[in-house]
Amino acid sequence: MNYFKLFNLPEIFDINIAELNKNFYTLQKKFHPDLYIKNDTFTKDKKKKKIYIINEGYRNLKDPLKRINHIFMLNKLNFKDKKRYPVTFSVLEQQLKLNFELETLTSKVINKDKIISFIQRNNSLIQNLFKKISFNIMKKEWTLAVNLYQELKFLVRLTNNAEEIQKNKDFKKFY
């Protein structure tokens, strides 16, 4: 299923979210199962399946990571194929460095400002990677887009971990 076609959007990363929302609500109004409550079971089931696809498509296009996955799927790219898309040495080196830095954030002597700085720096890297991926998708530079996506997924996971540390750590006792 091509969710871009379902929502009448171009097959690009930088979609118009307002247009996605508008088209989503239009489809919801047209296919919502409550509108077909008096119909036969077959028709109701058919509409439920359609609304499920609409909801799934909306979730996939609304989330930038899932949108990239969907674009890769539409272009028959298996980004999990490590032989075709190996992680580069420089990316592995960066991942090791960032993992070590995150480990230090869990120590007893770290302060809140360092965690916030770590998260902000990673969020900046994440936004930069989204721009690079978007550009490479537009140019159909699939290998580079996949490599950047692998790096992006790592940074998102690492940043989420840091945000959990920030949320769960009791900083008061360290001041």
N, C-alpha and C. Protein backbone atom coordinates (compact mmCIF):
# COMPACT_ATOMS: atom_id res chain seq x y z
N MET A 1 0.84 -1.18 0.00
CA MET A 1 0.00 0.00 0.00
C MET A 1 0.89 1.25 0.00
N ASN A 2 0.63 2.13 -0.92
CA ASN A 2 1.36 3.38 -1.01
C ASN A 2 0.56 4.45 -0.25
N TYR A 3 1.04 4.80 0.94
CA TYR A 3 0.33 5.76 1.78
C TYR A 3 0.36 7.17 1.20
N PHE A 4 1.37 7.47 0.42
CA PHE A 4 1.43 8.79 -0.21
C PHE A 4 0.26 8.95 -1.19
N LYS A 5 0.01 7.91 -1.97
CA LYS A 5 -1.12 7.95 -2.90
C LYS A 5 -2.45 7.99 -2.15
N LEU A 6 -2.55 7.23 -1.08
CA LEU A 6 -3.77 7.21 -0.28
C LEU A 6 -4.14 8.62 0.19
N PHE A 7 -3.12 9.40 0.59
CA PHE A 7 -3.37 10.75 1.09
C PHE A 7 -3.12 11.83 0.04
N ASN A 8 -2.93 11.40 -1.21
CA ASN A 8 -2.75 12.32 -2.32
C ASN A 8 -1.59 13.30 -2.07
N LEU A 9 -0.45 12.72 -1.69
CA LEU A 9 0.75 13.49 -1.40
C LEU A 9 1.90 13.02 -2.29
N PRO A 10 2.85 13.90 -2.57
CA PRO A 10 4.02 13.48 -3.35
C PRO A 10 4.89 12.51 -2.54
N GLU A 11 5.56 11.61 -3.23
CA GLU A 11 6.42 10.61 -2.57
C GLU A 11 7.79 11.22 -2.24
N ILE A 12 7.76 12.13 -1.28
CA ILE A 12 8.97 12.80 -0.83
C ILE A 12 9.00 12.77 0.70
N PHE A 13 10.18 13.03 1.26
CA PHE A 13 10.28 13.04 2.72
C PHE A 13 9.61 14.27 3.31
N ASP A 14 9.87 15.44 2.72
CA ASP A 14 9.37 16.70 3.27
C ASP A 14 7.93 16.96 2.83
N ILE A 15 7.01 16.16 3.36
CA ILE A 15 5.60 16.34 3.00
C ILE A 15 5.01 17.51 3.77
N ASN A 16 3.88 17.98 3.28
CA ASN A 16 3.14 19.04 3.96
C ASN A 16 2.26 18.37 5.02
N ILE A 17 2.63 18.53 6.30
CA ILE A 17 1.91 17.87 7.39
C ILE A 17 0.48 18.40 7.50
N ALA A 18 0.28 19.68 7.24
CA ALA A 18 -1.08 20.25 7.29
C ALA A 18 -1.97 19.58 6.23
N GLU A 19 -1.39 19.34 5.05
CA GLU A 19 -2.13 18.65 3.98
C GLU A 19 -2.41 17.20 4.36
N LEU A 20 -1.44 16.54 4.98
CA LEU A 20 -1.65 15.17 5.47
C LEU A 20 -2.81 15.15 6.46
N ASN A 21 -2.80 16.06 7.43
CA ASN A 21 -3.87 16.11 8.43
C ASN A 21 -5.23 16.35 7.78
N LYS A 22 -5.28 17.30 6.85
CA LYS A 22 -6.54 17.62 6.16
C LYS A 22 -7.07 16.40 5.40
N ASN A 23 -6.20 15.74 4.65
CA ASN A 23 -6.61 14.57 3.88
C ASN A 23 -7.00 13.40 4.79
N PHE A 24 -6.31 13.28 5.94
CA PHE A 24 -6.64 12.23 6.90
C PHE A 24 -8.07 12.42 7.41
N TYR A 25 -8.40 13.64 7.83
CA TYR A 25 -9.74 13.89 8.36
C TYR A 25 -10.82 13.75 7.29
N THR A 26 -10.48 14.09 6.05
CA THR A 26 -11.43 13.90 4.94
C THR A 26 -11.72 12.41 4.76
N LEU A 27 -10.67 11.59 4.77
CA LEU A 27 -10.86 10.14 4.63
C LEU A 27 -11.59 9.55 5.84
N GLN A 28 -11.30 10.06 7.03
CA GLN A 28 -12.00 9.60 8.24
C GLN A 28 -13.49 9.85 8.11
N LYS A 29 -13.85 11.04 7.64
CA LYS A 29 -15.27 11.38 7.48
C LYS A 29 -15.94 10.49 6.46
N LYS A 30 -15.21 10.10 5.44
CA LYS A 30 -15.78 9.30 4.36
C LYS A 30 -15.90 7.82 4.73
N PHE A 31 -14.94 7.29 5.47
CA PHE A 31 -14.89 5.84 5.69
C PHE A 31 -15.12 5.39 7.13
N HIS A 32 -15.39 6.29 8.04
CA HIS A 32 -15.52 5.89 9.44
C HIS A 32 -16.62 4.83 9.59
N PRO A 33 -16.34 3.74 10.31
CA PRO A 33 -17.31 2.64 10.45
C PRO A 33 -18.64 3.05 11.05
N ASP A 34 -18.69 4.09 11.86
CA ASP A 34 -19.96 4.52 12.45
C ASP A 34 -20.96 4.98 11.39
N LEU A 35 -20.45 5.40 10.25
CA LEU A 35 -21.33 5.84 9.16
C LEU A 35 -22.05 4.67 8.50
N TYR A 36 -21.54 3.47 8.73
CA TYR A 36 -22.08 2.29 8.06
C TYR A 36 -22.68 1.30 9.05
N ILE A 37 -23.12 1.81 10.18
CA ILE A 37 -23.61 0.95 11.26
C ILE A 37 -24.83 0.14 10.83
N LYS A 38 -25.63 0.68 9.93
CA LYS A 38 -26.85 -0.02 9.50
C LYS A 38 -26.61 -0.94 8.31
N ASN A 39 -25.42 -0.94 7.78
CA ASN A 39 -25.11 -1.79 6.63
C ASN A 39 -24.90 -3.24 7.06
N ASP A 40 -24.78 -4.11 6.08
CA ASP A 40 -24.53 -5.52 6.35
C ASP A 40 -23.12 -5.71 6.89
N THR A 41 -22.86 -6.87 7.48
CA THR A 41 -21.57 -7.18 8.12
C THR A 41 -20.42 -7.07 7.13
N PHE A 42 -20.62 -7.54 5.91
CA PHE A 42 -19.56 -7.49 4.91
C PHE A 42 -19.12 -6.05 4.65
N THR A 43 -20.07 -5.15 4.46
CA THR A 43 -19.76 -3.74 4.20
C THR A 43 -19.08 -3.10 5.39
N LYS A 44 -19.59 -3.40 6.60
CA LYS A 44 -18.97 -2.85 7.81
C LYS A 44 -17.52 -3.33 7.96
N ASP A 45 -17.29 -4.62 7.72
CA ASP A 45 -15.93 -5.16 7.81
C ASP A 45 -15.00 -4.51 6.78
N LYS A 46 -15.53 -4.30 5.60
CA LYS A 46 -14.75 -3.67 4.54
C LYS A 46 -14.36 -2.24 4.93
N LYS A 47 -15.28 -1.51 5.52
CA LYS A 47 -15.01 -0.14 5.95
C LYS A 47 -14.04 -0.11 7.14
N LYS A 48 -14.15 -1.10 8.03
CA LYS A 48 -13.21 -1.19 9.16
C LYS A 48 -11.79 -1.42 8.65
N LYS A 49 -11.65 -2.29 7.65
CA LYS A 49 -10.33 -2.55 7.08
C LYS A 49 -9.77 -1.29 6.41
N LYS A 50 -10.64 -0.56 5.73
CA LYS A 50 -10.21 0.67 5.06
C LYS A 50 -9.77 1.71 6.09
N ILE A 51 -10.52 1.85 7.17
CA ILE A 51 -10.16 2.84 8.19
C ILE A 51 -8.87 2.43 8.90
N TYR A 52 -8.66 1.11 9.04
CA TYR A 52 -7.41 0.63 9.63
C TYR A 52 -6.23 1.04 8.76
N ILE A 53 -6.37 0.87 7.44
CA ILE A 53 -5.31 1.25 6.50
C ILE A 53 -5.08 2.76 6.55
N ILE A 54 -6.15 3.53 6.64
CA ILE A 54 -6.04 4.99 6.72
C ILE A 54 -5.28 5.39 7.99
N ASN A 55 -5.65 4.80 9.11
CA ASN A 55 -4.98 5.11 10.38
C ASN A 55 -3.50 4.70 10.35
N GLU A 56 -3.24 3.52 9.82
CA GLU A 56 -1.86 3.03 9.72
C GLU A 56 -1.03 3.93 8.80
N GLY A 57 -1.61 4.32 7.68
CA GLY A 57 -0.92 5.22 6.76
C GLY A 57 -0.63 6.57 7.39
N TYR A 58 -1.59 7.09 8.14
CA TYR A 58 -1.41 8.37 8.81
C TYR A 58 -0.27 8.30 9.82
N ARG A 59 -0.25 7.24 10.62
CA ARG A 59 0.83 7.06 11.61
C ARG A 59 2.19 6.96 10.92
N ASN A 60 2.23 6.26 9.79
CA ASN A 60 3.50 6.08 9.07
C ASN A 60 3.99 7.37 8.43
N LEU A 61 3.10 8.18 7.91
CA LEU A 61 3.54 9.41 7.25
C LEU A 61 3.77 10.54 8.25
N LYS A 62 3.10 10.51 9.37
CA LYS A 62 3.24 11.56 10.38
C LYS A 62 4.61 11.46 11.08
N ASP A 63 5.07 10.24 11.31
CA ASP A 63 6.34 10.00 12.00
C ASP A 63 7.47 10.00 10.97
N PRO A 64 8.45 10.90 11.11
CA PRO A 64 9.51 11.00 10.09
C PRO A 64 10.32 9.72 9.90
N LEU A 65 10.60 8.98 10.98
CA LEU A 65 11.35 7.72 10.83
C LEU A 65 10.53 6.69 10.06
N LYS A 66 9.26 6.58 10.39
CA LYS A 66 8.39 5.63 9.68
C LYS A 66 8.19 6.07 8.23
N ARG A 67 8.17 7.38 8.00
CA ARG A 67 8.02 7.88 6.63
C ARG A 67 9.22 7.46 5.78
N ILE A 68 10.41 7.56 6.36
CA ILE A 68 11.61 7.12 5.64
C ILE A 68 11.52 5.62 5.36
N ASN A 69 11.12 4.84 6.35
CA ASN A 69 10.94 3.39 6.15
C ASN A 69 9.98 3.12 5.00
N HIS A 70 8.89 3.88 4.96
CA HIS A 70 7.88 3.68 3.91
C HIS A 70 8.45 4.02 2.53
N ILE A 71 9.21 5.10 2.46
CA ILE A 71 9.85 5.46 1.19
C ILE A 71 10.81 4.36 0.75
N PHE A 72 11.59 3.83 1.69
CA PHE A 72 12.51 2.74 1.36
C PHE A 72 11.73 1.51 0.88
N MET A 73 10.64 1.19 1.57
CA MET A 73 9.83 0.03 1.18
C MET A 73 9.26 0.22 -0.23
N LEU A 74 8.75 1.41 -0.52
CA LEU A 74 8.19 1.67 -1.85
C LEU A 74 9.25 1.54 -2.95
N ASN A 75 10.49 1.82 -2.59
CA ASN A 75 11.59 1.72 -3.55
C ASN A 75 12.35 0.40 -3.45
N LYS A 76 11.72 -0.55 -2.75
CA LYS A 76 12.24 -1.92 -2.62
C LYS A 76 13.66 -1.96 -2.05
N LEU A 77 13.90 -1.14 -1.03
CA LEU A 77 15.21 -1.12 -0.38
C LEU A 77 15.12 -1.86 0.94
N ASN A 78 16.01 -2.80 1.11
CA ASN A 78 16.09 -3.51 2.39
C ASN A 78 17.24 -2.90 3.19
N PHE A 79 16.91 -1.85 3.95
CA PHE A 79 17.96 -1.12 4.68
C PHE A 79 18.58 -1.96 5.78
N LYS A 80 18.00 -3.10 6.11
CA LYS A 80 18.57 -3.97 7.14
C LYS A 80 19.62 -4.92 6.57
N ASP A 81 19.80 -4.92 5.26
CA ASP A 81 20.78 -5.78 4.60
C ASP A 81 22.18 -5.24 4.86
N LYS A 82 22.87 -5.82 5.84
CA LYS A 82 24.19 -5.34 6.26
C LYS A 82 25.25 -5.53 5.18
N LYS A 83 25.06 -6.52 4.29
CA LYS A 83 26.04 -6.73 3.21
C LYS A 83 25.93 -5.63 2.17
N ARG A 84 24.71 -5.24 1.86
CA ARG A 84 24.52 -4.21 0.85
C ARG A 84 24.74 -2.80 1.41
N TYR A 85 24.38 -2.62 2.67
CA TYR A 85 24.51 -1.31 3.32
C TYR A 85 25.29 -1.44 4.62
N PRO A 86 26.58 -1.71 4.53
CA PRO A 86 27.37 -1.86 5.77
C PRO A 86 27.55 -0.51 6.46
N VAL A 87 27.63 -0.57 7.77
CA VAL A 87 27.89 0.64 8.55
C VAL A 87 29.36 1.01 8.36
N THR A 88 29.62 2.27 8.08
CA THR A 88 31.00 2.71 7.83
C THR A 88 31.79 2.76 9.14
N PHE A 89 33.10 2.71 9.01
CA PHE A 89 33.98 2.74 10.17
C PHE A 89 33.80 4.04 10.95
N SER A 90 33.68 5.17 10.25
CA SER A 90 33.54 6.46 10.94
C SER A 90 32.24 6.52 11.74
N VAL A 91 31.19 5.91 11.22
CA VAL A 91 29.92 5.88 11.96
C VAL A 91 30.05 4.99 13.19
N LEU A 92 30.69 3.84 13.02
CA LEU A 92 30.92 2.96 14.18
C LEU A 92 31.75 3.67 15.26
N GLU A 93 32.76 4.39 14.81
CA GLU A 93 33.61 5.12 15.74
C GLU A 93 32.80 6.19 16.50
N GLN A 94 31.96 6.89 15.77
CA GLN A 94 31.10 7.91 16.39
C GLN A 94 30.14 7.26 17.39
N GLN A 95 29.57 6.11 17.02
CA GLN A 95 28.64 5.42 17.90
C GLN A 95 29.33 4.99 19.20
N LEU A 96 30.54 4.47 19.10
CA LEU A 96 31.29 4.08 20.29
C LEU A 96 31.55 5.28 21.20
N LYS A 97 31.94 6.38 20.60
CA LYS A 97 32.23 7.59 21.35
C LYS A 97 30.97 8.09 22.07
N LEU A 98 29.86 8.13 21.36
CA LEU A 98 28.62 8.61 21.96
C LEU A 98 28.08 7.65 23.02
N ASN A 99 28.24 6.35 22.78
CA ASN A 99 27.83 5.38 23.80
C ASN A 99 28.63 5.56 25.08
N PHE A 100 29.93 5.78 24.94
CA PHE A 100 30.78 6.00 26.11
C PHE A 100 30.34 7.28 26.84
N GLU A 101 30.06 8.30 26.07
CA GLU A 101 29.62 9.57 26.68
C GLU A 101 28.30 9.38 27.45
N LEU A 102 27.39 8.61 26.87
CA LEU A 102 26.12 8.35 27.55
C LEU A 102 26.36 7.55 28.84
N GLU A 103 27.30 6.61 28.79
CA GLU A 103 27.63 5.84 30.00
C GLU A 103 28.09 6.75 31.13
N THR A 104 28.88 7.76 30.79
CA THR A 104 29.34 8.68 31.82
C THR A 104 28.19 9.50 32.40
N LEU A 105 27.14 9.69 31.60
CA LEU A 105 25.98 10.44 32.09
C LEU A 105 25.22 9.67 33.17
N THR A 106 25.48 8.39 33.29
CA THR A 106 24.80 7.59 34.31
C THR A 106 25.60 7.52 35.61
N SER A 107 26.79 8.12 35.59
CA SER A 107 27.61 8.08 36.81
C SER A 107 27.01 8.98 37.88
N LYS A 108 27.54 8.87 39.10
CA LYS A 108 26.98 9.61 40.23
C LYS A 108 27.42 11.06 40.27
N VAL A 109 28.43 11.44 39.52
CA VAL A 109 28.97 12.79 39.64
C VAL A 109 28.56 13.72 38.49
N ILE A 110 27.77 13.26 37.59
CA ILE A 110 27.40 14.09 36.44
C ILE A 110 26.30 15.07 36.83
N ASN A 111 26.26 16.21 36.18
CA ASN A 111 25.20 17.16 36.50
C ASN A 111 24.18 17.26 35.36
N LYS A 112 23.06 17.85 35.69
CA LYS A 112 21.94 17.94 34.77
C LYS A 112 22.30 18.70 33.50
N ASP A 113 23.11 19.74 33.62
CA ASP A 113 23.49 20.54 32.46
C ASP A 113 24.21 19.72 31.39
N LYS A 114 25.02 18.76 31.82
CA LYS A 114 25.75 17.92 30.86
C LYS A 114 24.79 17.00 30.10
N ILE A 115 23.80 16.49 30.78
CA ILE A 115 22.81 15.64 30.09
C ILE A 115 22.01 16.48 29.11
N ILE A 116 21.58 17.65 29.54
CA ILE A 116 20.81 18.54 28.65
C ILE A 116 21.64 18.91 27.43
N SER A 117 22.90 19.22 27.64
CA SER A 117 23.80 19.57 26.53
C SER A 117 23.95 18.38 25.57
N PHE A 118 24.11 17.19 26.11
CA PHE A 118 24.22 15.97 25.30
C PHE A 118 22.98 15.79 24.44
N ILE A 119 21.81 15.94 25.04
CA ILE A 119 20.54 15.78 24.33
C ILE A 119 20.40 16.84 23.25
N GLN A 120 20.69 18.08 23.58
CA GLN A 120 20.56 19.16 22.60
C GLN A 120 21.51 18.96 21.42
N ARG A 121 22.74 18.55 21.71
CA ARG A 121 23.71 18.31 20.64
C ARG A 121 23.22 17.18 19.72
N ASN A 122 22.71 16.12 20.32
CA ASN A 122 22.21 15.00 19.52
C ASN A 122 20.98 15.39 18.71
N ASN A 123 20.10 16.19 19.31
CA ASN A 123 18.91 16.65 18.56
C ASN A 123 19.31 17.49 17.36
N SER A 124 20.35 18.28 17.51
CA SER A 124 20.86 19.06 16.38
C SER A 124 21.40 18.13 15.28
N LEU A 125 22.15 17.10 15.69
CA LEU A 125 22.65 16.12 14.72
C LEU A 125 21.51 15.39 14.03
N ILE A 126 20.47 15.06 14.79
CA ILE A 126 19.30 14.37 14.24
C ILE A 126 18.62 15.23 13.18
N GLN A 127 18.41 16.51 13.48
CA GLN A 127 17.77 17.40 12.50
C GLN A 127 18.61 17.53 11.24
N ASN A 128 19.92 17.58 11.40
CA ASN A 128 20.83 17.66 10.26
C ASN A 128 20.74 16.38 9.42
N LEU A 129 20.67 15.24 10.08
CA LEU A 129 20.55 13.97 9.36
C LEU A 129 19.23 13.89 8.59
N PHE A 130 18.14 14.36 9.18
CA PHE A 130 16.86 14.38 8.46
C PHE A 130 16.99 15.18 7.16
N LYS A 131 17.66 16.32 7.23
CA LYS A 131 17.85 17.15 6.04
C LYS A 131 18.67 16.42 4.98
N LYS A 132 19.75 15.77 5.42
CA LYS A 132 20.61 15.04 4.48
C LYS A 132 19.86 13.86 3.85
N ILE A 133 19.09 13.16 4.67
CA ILE A 133 18.33 12.02 4.15
C ILE A 133 17.30 12.50 3.14
N SER A 134 16.60 13.57 3.48
CA SER A 134 15.61 14.14 2.57
C SER A 134 16.24 14.48 1.22
N PHE A 135 17.38 15.12 1.26
CA PHE A 135 18.09 15.50 0.05
C PHE A 135 18.46 14.27 -0.77
N ASN A 136 18.98 13.24 -0.10
CA ASN A 136 19.41 12.04 -0.82
C ASN A 136 18.24 11.22 -1.34
N ILE A 137 17.12 11.26 -0.65
CA ILE A 137 15.91 10.60 -1.16
C ILE A 137 15.46 11.32 -2.43
N MET A 138 15.46 12.63 -2.38
CA MET A 138 15.04 13.42 -3.53
C MET A 138 15.94 13.13 -4.74
N LYS A 139 17.24 12.97 -4.49
CA LYS A 139 18.20 12.68 -5.57
C LYS A 139 18.26 11.19 -5.92
N LYS A 140 17.51 10.38 -5.15
CA LYS A 140 17.50 8.92 -5.32
C LYS A 140 18.89 8.31 -5.12
N GLU A 141 19.62 8.89 -4.19
CA GLU A 141 20.93 8.37 -3.77
C GLU A 141 20.67 7.41 -2.62
N TRP A 142 20.21 6.22 -2.97
CA TRP A 142 19.68 5.29 -1.96
C TRP A 142 20.72 4.79 -0.98
N THR A 143 21.91 4.47 -1.45
CA THR A 143 22.93 3.94 -0.55
C THR A 143 23.28 4.97 0.53
N LEU A 144 23.48 6.19 0.11
CA LEU A 144 23.79 7.24 1.09
C LEU A 144 22.61 7.48 2.02
N ALA A 145 21.40 7.49 1.48
CA ALA A 145 20.20 7.68 2.31
C ALA A 145 20.08 6.58 3.36
N VAL A 146 20.33 5.34 2.97
CA VAL A 146 20.25 4.22 3.92
C VAL A 146 21.33 4.34 4.99
N ASN A 147 22.55 4.67 4.58
CA ASN A 147 23.63 4.82 5.56
C ASN A 147 23.32 5.94 6.56
N LEU A 148 22.80 7.04 6.07
CA LEU A 148 22.43 8.13 6.97
C LEU A 148 21.27 7.73 7.88
N TYR A 149 20.36 6.94 7.35
CA TYR A 149 19.22 6.47 8.15
C TYR A 149 19.69 5.57 9.30
N GLN A 150 20.66 4.72 9.02
CA GLN A 150 21.21 3.85 10.07
C GLN A 150 21.82 4.71 11.18
N GLU A 151 22.54 5.73 10.78
CA GLU A 151 23.14 6.65 11.74
C GLU A 151 22.04 7.39 12.53
N LEU A 152 21.00 7.80 11.83
CA LEU A 152 19.88 8.50 12.45
C LEU A 152 19.19 7.64 13.51
N LYS A 153 18.93 6.40 13.16
CA LYS A 153 18.25 5.51 14.11
C LYS A 153 19.07 5.34 15.38
N PHE A 154 20.38 5.21 15.23
CA PHE A 154 21.25 5.10 16.40
C PHE A 154 21.14 6.35 17.27
N LEU A 155 21.24 7.52 16.64
CA LEU A 155 21.19 8.78 17.40
C LEU A 155 19.85 8.98 18.09
N VAL A 156 18.78 8.61 17.44
CA VAL A 156 17.45 8.73 18.05
C VAL A 156 17.37 7.82 19.28
N ARG A 157 17.82 6.59 19.14
CA ARG A 157 17.80 5.64 20.27
C ARG A 157 18.67 6.15 21.42
N LEU A 158 19.85 6.65 21.10
CA LEU A 158 20.76 7.17 22.11
C LEU A 158 20.16 8.39 22.82
N THR A 159 19.56 9.27 22.06
CA THR A 159 18.94 10.47 22.64
C THR A 159 17.75 10.10 23.52
N ASN A 160 16.97 9.13 23.08
CA ASN A 160 15.85 8.66 23.92
C ASN A 160 16.37 8.09 25.24
N ASN A 161 17.47 7.35 25.18
CA ASN A 161 18.07 6.82 26.41
C ASN A 161 18.53 7.95 27.33
N ALA A 162 19.15 8.97 26.75
CA ALA A 162 19.61 10.11 27.55
C ALA A 162 18.43 10.85 28.17
N GLU A 163 17.35 10.98 27.43
CA GLU A 163 16.15 11.64 27.97
C GLU A 163 15.56 10.83 29.12
N GLU A 164 15.63 9.51 29.03
CA GLU A 164 15.17 8.66 30.14
C GLU A 164 16.05 8.85 31.37
N ILE A 165 17.35 8.93 31.15
CA ILE A 165 18.27 9.17 32.26
C ILE A 165 17.94 10.52 32.91
N GLN A 166 17.74 11.52 32.09
CA GLN A 166 17.42 12.86 32.60
C GLN A 166 16.12 12.82 33.40
N LYS A 167 15.15 12.12 32.89
CA LYS A 167 13.84 12.06 33.55
C LYS A 167 13.91 11.30 34.87
N ASN A 168 14.70 10.24 34.93
CA ASN A 168 14.70 9.36 36.09
C ASN A 168 15.77 9.67 37.13
N LYS A 169 16.72 10.52 36.79
CA LYS A 169 17.82 10.78 37.71
C LYS A 169 17.44 11.86 38.72
N ASP A 170 17.81 11.63 39.97
CA ASP A 170 17.56 12.60 41.03
C ASP A 170 18.80 13.49 41.16
N PHE A 171 18.76 14.66 40.53
CA PHE A 171 19.92 15.53 40.49
C PHE A 171 20.13 16.33 41.77
N LYS A 172 19.09 16.48 42.55
CA LYS A 172 19.19 17.31 43.75
C LYS A 172 20.31 16.88 44.68
N LYS A 173 20.50 15.57 44.84
CA LYS A 173 21.50 15.08 45.76
C LYS A 173 22.94 15.30 45.30
N PHE A 174 23.11 15.73 44.04
CA PHE A 174 24.46 15.91 43.50
C PHE A 174 24.92 17.36 43.57
N TYR A 175 24.09 18.28 44.06
CA TYR A 175 24.48 19.69 44.13
C TYR A 175 24.90 20.07 45.51
